[in-house]
Each structure stands twice: as C-alpha cells, then as structure tokens.
C-alpha cells in the first residue's frame, strides 16, 4: 500500500538551529487510514528505523499528522537543509509487514521508478 505525505513547517526553531517540520499523510479514501494513534514503523533507504504514531494537529481535511515534530529530524537532515523547510512530497510504501513502511523523498521515489 502506498501513502503520500507532504512536509510542512511547524514555524519553530529548535535550540540547535534546526527549523522544525513535520509530515502530514493523506488518508486512504477507501479505508480512512491512517488515524490518530495509529503507529507505523518507518524505514529509510539507509536502514534507519523510526517508530512513530499519528498525532492530532494535521488541521488539513483528509490528512493525519505523522509523529511529533523532531521525531524524523535525522531523516530530514539527510535530505533537506537544516534551516529551510522544503515543501516536498514524501512517499510511504508498505513493506508487506503490518504497519511498516519505507519512506522516500519525491526525488528518491522518482529515481527508483
């Protein structure tokens, strides 16, 4: 199963100079998933694992907010500038295991297709 997300700013700076951001994920129109409190295990191309839950705060109809700001900080820093939020699409592809997804930037996704 595929889910699309998008990066957006939280408009707050962390003490270390990182501009905080989050990913909101589009809900599947057939299942309505994901929902607040759903938990995902997210794996990036480098093998890093992030255990995340959906939280309130998407404030966009049809979307859910993945994790709390900062939970994916290491992933963001691998792909985007520290002090600038790049409003990019993010793709989550199911691994075949329940609630486990690989995460891809839009560029990574396009390069593998």
N, C-alpha and C. Protein backbone atom coordinates (compact mmCIF):
# COMPACT_ATOMS: atom_id res chain seq x y z
N UNK A 1 0.84 -1.18 0.00
CA UNK A 1 0.00 0.00 0.00
C UNK A 1 0.88 1.24 0.00
N UNK A 2 0.46 2.24 -0.73
CA UNK A 2 1.19 3.50 -0.82
C UNK A 2 0.41 4.61 -0.13
N UNK A 3 1.16 5.47 0.54
CA UNK A 3 0.59 6.69 1.11
C UNK A 3 1.46 7.85 0.67
N UNK A 4 0.82 8.99 0.42
CA UNK A 4 1.55 10.21 0.08
C UNK A 4 1.47 11.17 1.25
N UNK A 5 2.58 11.81 1.50
CA UNK A 5 2.62 12.81 2.54
C UNK A 5 3.22 14.08 2.00
N UNK A 6 3.18 15.10 2.83
CA UNK A 6 3.83 16.34 2.44
C UNK A 6 4.47 16.97 3.68
N UNK A 7 5.59 17.61 3.43
CA UNK A 7 6.34 18.25 4.50
C UNK A 7 5.80 19.66 4.67
N UNK A 8 5.69 20.05 5.92
CA UNK A 8 5.30 21.43 6.18
C UNK A 8 6.02 21.94 7.42
N UNK A 9 6.13 23.24 7.50
CA UNK A 9 6.83 23.86 8.61
C UNK A 9 5.98 23.85 9.87
N UNK A 10 6.65 23.82 11.00
CA UNK A 10 5.99 23.99 12.28
C UNK A 10 6.21 25.43 12.76
N UNK A 11 7.04 26.16 12.01
CA UNK A 11 7.35 27.57 12.30
C UNK A 11 7.99 27.78 13.66
N UNK A 12 8.82 26.84 14.07
CA UNK A 12 9.54 26.96 15.33
C UNK A 12 10.98 26.51 15.11
N UNK A 13 11.88 27.20 15.77
CA UNK A 13 13.30 26.84 15.70
C UNK A 13 13.67 26.04 16.95
N UNK A 14 14.42 24.98 16.76
CA UNK A 14 14.97 24.22 17.88
C UNK A 14 16.22 24.96 18.38
N UNK A 15 16.65 24.65 19.59
CA UNK A 15 17.80 25.32 20.20
C UNK A 15 19.07 25.16 19.36
N UNK A 16 19.17 24.06 18.59
CA UNK A 16 20.37 23.81 17.80
C UNK A 16 20.33 24.44 16.41
N UNK A 17 19.30 25.28 16.14
CA UNK A 17 19.22 25.96 14.85
C UNK A 17 18.48 25.20 13.77
N UNK A 18 17.83 24.10 14.15
CA UNK A 18 17.05 23.33 13.19
C UNK A 18 15.65 23.90 13.11
N UNK A 19 15.18 24.18 11.90
CA UNK A 19 13.82 24.65 11.69
C UNK A 19 12.90 23.43 11.70
N UNK A 20 12.04 23.36 12.69
CA UNK A 20 11.20 22.18 12.89
C UNK A 20 10.16 22.04 11.79
N UNK A 21 9.89 20.81 11.45
CA UNK A 21 8.93 20.48 10.40
C UNK A 21 8.26 19.16 10.70
N UNK A 22 7.23 18.85 9.97
CA UNK A 22 6.50 17.61 10.17
C UNK A 22 6.00 17.11 8.83
N UNK A 23 5.47 15.89 8.84
CA UNK A 23 4.88 15.31 7.64
C UNK A 23 3.41 15.02 7.94
N UNK A 24 2.56 15.49 7.04
CA UNK A 24 1.16 15.10 7.12
C UNK A 24 0.91 14.11 5.99
N UNK A 25 0.12 13.09 6.29
CA UNK A 25 -0.08 11.97 5.36
C UNK A 25 -1.54 11.94 4.91
N UNK A 26 -1.73 11.82 3.60
CA UNK A 26 -3.07 11.77 3.04
C UNK A 26 -3.74 10.45 3.42
N UNK A 27 -4.94 10.54 3.94
CA UNK A 27 -5.69 9.34 4.30
C UNK A 27 -6.18 8.61 3.05
N UNK A 28 -6.18 7.30 3.11
CA UNK A 28 -6.72 6.49 2.03
C UNK A 28 -8.23 6.72 1.98
N UNK A 29 -8.78 7.08 0.82
CA UNK A 29 -10.21 7.38 0.75
C UNK A 29 -11.11 6.17 1.02
N UNK A 30 -10.60 4.97 0.78
CA UNK A 30 -11.41 3.76 1.00
C UNK A 30 -11.43 3.32 2.46
N UNK A 31 -10.28 3.40 3.12
CA UNK A 31 -10.18 2.89 4.50
C UNK A 31 -10.21 4.00 5.54
N UNK A 32 -9.90 5.22 5.12
CA UNK A 32 -9.82 6.33 6.08
C UNK A 32 -8.53 6.32 6.89
N UNK A 33 -7.65 5.39 6.60
CA UNK A 33 -6.39 5.28 7.35
C UNK A 33 -5.35 6.22 6.76
N UNK A 34 -4.43 6.69 7.51
CA UNK A 34 -4.18 6.45 8.94
C UNK A 34 -5.01 7.39 9.83
N UNK A 35 -5.14 6.97 11.08
CA UNK A 35 -5.88 7.73 12.09
C UNK A 35 -4.95 8.11 13.24
N UNK A 36 -5.40 9.09 14.03
CA UNK A 36 -4.66 9.48 15.23
C UNK A 36 -4.47 8.23 16.09
N UNK A 37 -3.27 8.06 16.63
CA UNK A 37 -2.83 6.96 17.48
C UNK A 37 -2.41 5.70 16.70
N UNK A 38 -2.63 5.67 15.38
CA UNK A 38 -2.07 4.57 14.61
C UNK A 38 -0.55 4.66 14.71
N UNK A 39 0.11 3.53 14.78
CA UNK A 39 1.57 3.51 14.89
C UNK A 39 2.17 2.88 13.64
N UNK A 40 3.24 3.50 13.13
CA UNK A 40 3.97 2.99 11.98
C UNK A 40 5.43 2.82 12.35
N UNK A 41 6.01 1.79 11.79
CA UNK A 41 7.47 1.61 11.81
C UNK A 41 7.92 2.08 10.43
N UNK A 42 8.75 3.11 10.40
CA UNK A 42 9.19 3.74 9.14
C UNK A 42 10.68 3.48 8.96
N UNK A 43 11.05 3.01 7.77
CA UNK A 43 12.45 2.66 7.48
C UNK A 43 12.91 3.47 6.28
N UNK A 44 14.08 4.12 6.41
CA UNK A 44 14.59 4.88 5.27
C UNK A 44 15.57 4.02 4.47
N UNK A 45 16.02 4.54 3.36
CA UNK A 45 16.92 3.81 2.46
C UNK A 45 18.24 3.41 3.11
N UNK A 46 18.64 4.19 4.10
CA UNK A 46 19.91 3.91 4.79
C UNK A 46 19.74 2.87 5.90
N UNK A 47 18.50 2.43 6.13
CA UNK A 47 18.25 1.41 7.14
C UNK A 47 17.87 1.94 8.52
N UNK A 48 17.79 3.26 8.67
CA UNK A 48 17.37 3.82 9.95
C UNK A 48 15.89 3.53 10.16
N UNK A 49 15.53 3.27 11.42
CA UNK A 49 14.15 2.91 11.76
C UNK A 49 13.58 3.97 12.69
N UNK A 50 12.36 4.38 12.40
CA UNK A 50 11.66 5.38 13.20
C UNK A 50 10.30 4.79 13.60
N UNK A 51 10.06 4.69 14.88
CA UNK A 51 8.77 4.22 15.38
C UNK A 51 7.94 5.45 15.71
N UNK A 52 6.87 5.63 14.95
CA UNK A 52 6.09 6.86 15.02
C UNK A 52 4.61 6.57 15.19
N UNK A 53 3.93 7.49 15.81
CA UNK A 53 2.48 7.42 15.93
C UNK A 53 1.88 8.66 15.29
N UNK A 54 0.67 8.53 14.81
CA UNK A 54 -0.04 9.67 14.28
C UNK A 54 -0.63 10.45 15.44
N UNK A 55 -0.53 11.76 15.35
CA UNK A 55 -0.97 12.65 16.42
C UNK A 55 -1.97 13.66 15.86
N UNK A 56 -2.69 14.30 16.74
CA UNK A 56 -3.58 15.38 16.32
C UNK A 56 -2.74 16.53 15.78
N UNK A 57 -3.35 17.33 14.95
CA UNK A 57 -2.66 18.53 14.53
C UNK A 57 -2.47 18.70 13.04
N UNK A 58 -2.99 17.79 12.22
CA UNK A 58 -2.83 17.97 10.78
C UNK A 58 -3.58 19.23 10.32
N UNK A 59 -4.76 19.44 10.86
CA UNK A 59 -5.59 20.61 10.52
C UNK A 59 -5.80 20.80 9.01
N UNK A 60 -5.70 19.71 8.27
CA UNK A 60 -5.98 19.73 6.84
C UNK A 60 -6.91 18.55 6.58
N UNK A 61 -8.05 18.83 6.01
CA UNK A 61 -9.04 17.80 5.75
C UNK A 61 -8.44 16.66 4.93
N UNK A 62 -8.66 15.43 5.38
CA UNK A 62 -8.17 14.26 4.65
C UNK A 62 -6.74 13.87 4.95
N UNK A 63 -6.10 14.52 5.94
CA UNK A 63 -4.72 14.23 6.28
C UNK A 63 -4.58 13.92 7.77
N UNK A 64 -3.55 13.16 8.12
CA UNK A 64 -3.17 12.88 9.51
C UNK A 64 -1.71 13.27 9.69
N UNK A 65 -1.35 13.69 10.90
CA UNK A 65 0.00 14.17 11.19
C UNK A 65 0.85 13.02 11.73
N UNK A 66 1.97 12.74 11.09
CA UNK A 66 2.85 11.64 11.48
C UNK A 66 3.85 12.09 12.52
N UNK A 67 3.75 11.52 13.70
CA UNK A 67 4.73 11.77 14.76
C UNK A 67 4.68 13.16 15.31
N UNK A 68 5.58 13.45 16.20
CA UNK A 68 5.72 14.77 16.77
C UNK A 68 6.88 15.46 16.05
N UNK A 69 6.83 16.79 15.96
CA UNK A 69 7.95 17.47 15.31
C UNK A 69 9.27 17.06 15.96
N UNK A 70 10.21 16.72 15.16
CA UNK A 70 11.52 16.32 15.65
C UNK A 70 11.77 14.83 15.64
N UNK A 71 10.72 14.01 15.62
CA UNK A 71 10.92 12.56 15.62
C UNK A 71 11.65 12.09 14.36
N UNK A 72 11.43 12.78 13.25
CA UNK A 72 12.09 12.43 12.00
C UNK A 72 13.24 13.38 11.67
N UNK A 73 13.72 14.09 12.67
CA UNK A 73 14.78 15.09 12.44
C UNK A 73 15.98 14.49 11.71
N UNK A 74 16.47 13.34 12.14
CA UNK A 74 17.63 12.73 11.48
C UNK A 74 17.35 12.45 10.00
N UNK A 75 16.15 11.99 9.70
CA UNK A 75 15.80 11.73 8.30
C UNK A 75 15.76 13.04 7.52
N UNK A 76 15.12 14.06 8.07
CA UNK A 76 15.06 15.35 7.39
C UNK A 76 16.47 15.88 7.10
N UNK A 77 17.37 15.77 8.06
CA UNK A 77 18.72 16.31 7.89
C UNK A 77 19.52 15.56 6.84
N UNK A 78 19.16 14.32 6.55
CA UNK A 78 19.83 13.56 5.49
C UNK A 78 19.45 14.10 4.11
N UNK A 79 18.29 14.74 4.00
CA UNK A 79 17.75 15.07 2.68
C UNK A 79 17.46 16.54 2.42
N UNK A 80 17.37 17.33 3.47
CA UNK A 80 16.93 18.72 3.32
C UNK A 80 17.80 19.65 4.16
N UNK A 81 17.82 20.94 3.81
CA UNK A 81 18.61 21.91 4.57
C UNK A 81 18.13 22.03 6.02
N UNK A 82 19.06 22.28 6.91
CA UNK A 82 18.77 22.42 8.34
C UNK A 82 17.86 23.60 8.64
N UNK A 83 18.08 24.70 7.95
CA UNK A 83 17.41 25.94 8.32
C UNK A 83 16.39 26.41 7.29
N UNK A 84 15.92 25.49 6.45
CA UNK A 84 14.91 25.85 5.45
C UNK A 84 13.98 24.66 5.26
N UNK A 85 12.69 24.91 5.34
CA UNK A 85 11.73 23.84 5.10
C UNK A 85 11.45 23.76 3.61
N UNK A 86 11.71 22.61 3.04
CA UNK A 86 11.42 22.35 1.64
C UNK A 86 10.08 21.64 1.61
N UNK A 87 9.09 22.27 1.02
CA UNK A 87 7.76 21.67 0.97
C UNK A 87 7.74 20.65 -0.15
N UNK A 88 8.06 19.43 0.21
CA UNK A 88 8.24 18.34 -0.73
C UNK A 88 7.20 17.26 -0.46
N UNK A 89 7.00 16.41 -1.45
CA UNK A 89 6.16 15.24 -1.25
C UNK A 89 7.00 14.12 -0.68
N UNK A 90 6.37 13.28 0.12
CA UNK A 90 7.02 12.13 0.73
C UNK A 90 6.13 10.92 0.42
N UNK A 91 6.76 9.82 0.04
CA UNK A 91 6.03 8.61 -0.28
C UNK A 91 6.34 7.54 0.76
N UNK A 92 5.31 6.84 1.20
CA UNK A 92 5.44 5.72 2.12
C UNK A 92 4.94 4.48 1.40
N UNK A 93 5.82 3.49 1.27
CA UNK A 93 5.46 2.24 0.60
C UNK A 93 5.48 1.11 1.61
N UNK A 94 4.39 0.36 1.68
CA UNK A 94 4.31 -0.76 2.61
C UNK A 94 5.36 -1.81 2.31
N UNK A 95 5.91 -2.41 3.37
CA UNK A 95 6.93 -3.45 3.20
C UNK A 95 6.33 -4.84 3.11
N UNK A 96 5.03 -4.94 3.40
CA UNK A 96 4.39 -6.26 3.47
C UNK A 96 4.19 -6.70 4.90
N UNK A 97 4.86 -6.03 5.83
CA UNK A 97 4.65 -6.29 7.26
C UNK A 97 3.61 -5.30 7.77
N UNK A 98 2.80 -5.70 8.75
CA UNK A 98 1.77 -4.79 9.26
C UNK A 98 2.37 -3.48 9.78
N UNK A 99 1.80 -2.37 9.35
CA UNK A 99 2.16 -1.04 9.84
C UNK A 99 3.64 -0.70 9.68
N UNK A 100 4.28 -1.25 8.65
CA UNK A 100 5.69 -0.95 8.38
C UNK A 100 5.80 -0.40 6.96
N UNK A 101 6.51 0.73 6.85
CA UNK A 101 6.61 1.44 5.58
C UNK A 101 8.02 1.94 5.34
N UNK A 102 8.42 1.91 4.06
CA UNK A 102 9.65 2.58 3.67
C UNK A 102 9.29 4.02 3.33
N UNK A 103 10.19 4.95 3.65
CA UNK A 103 9.95 6.37 3.39
C UNK A 103 10.89 6.83 2.28
N UNK A 104 10.35 7.63 1.36
CA UNK A 104 11.11 8.14 0.22
C UNK A 104 10.81 9.62 0.03
N UNK A 105 11.83 10.39 -0.28
CA UNK A 105 11.61 11.75 -0.76
C UNK A 105 11.02 11.61 -2.17
N UNK A 106 10.46 12.68 -2.70
CA UNK A 106 9.92 12.63 -4.06
C UNK A 106 11.01 12.26 -5.07
N UNK A 107 12.20 12.82 -4.88
CA UNK A 107 13.30 12.53 -5.81
C UNK A 107 13.73 11.06 -5.73
N UNK A 108 13.81 10.52 -4.53
CA UNK A 108 14.16 9.10 -4.38
C UNK A 108 13.12 8.23 -5.06
N UNK A 109 11.87 8.55 -4.85
CA UNK A 109 10.78 7.77 -5.43
C UNK A 109 10.85 7.77 -6.96
N UNK A 110 11.06 8.94 -7.52
CA UNK A 110 11.14 9.05 -8.98
C UNK A 110 12.37 8.32 -9.53
N UNK A 111 13.48 8.36 -8.82
CA UNK A 111 14.70 7.73 -9.32
C UNK A 111 14.63 6.21 -9.32
N UNK A 112 13.77 5.64 -8.52
CA UNK A 112 13.68 4.18 -8.47
C UNK A 112 12.61 3.62 -9.38
N UNK A 113 11.85 4.48 -10.00
CA UNK A 113 10.76 4.02 -10.87
C UNK A 113 11.18 3.92 -12.29
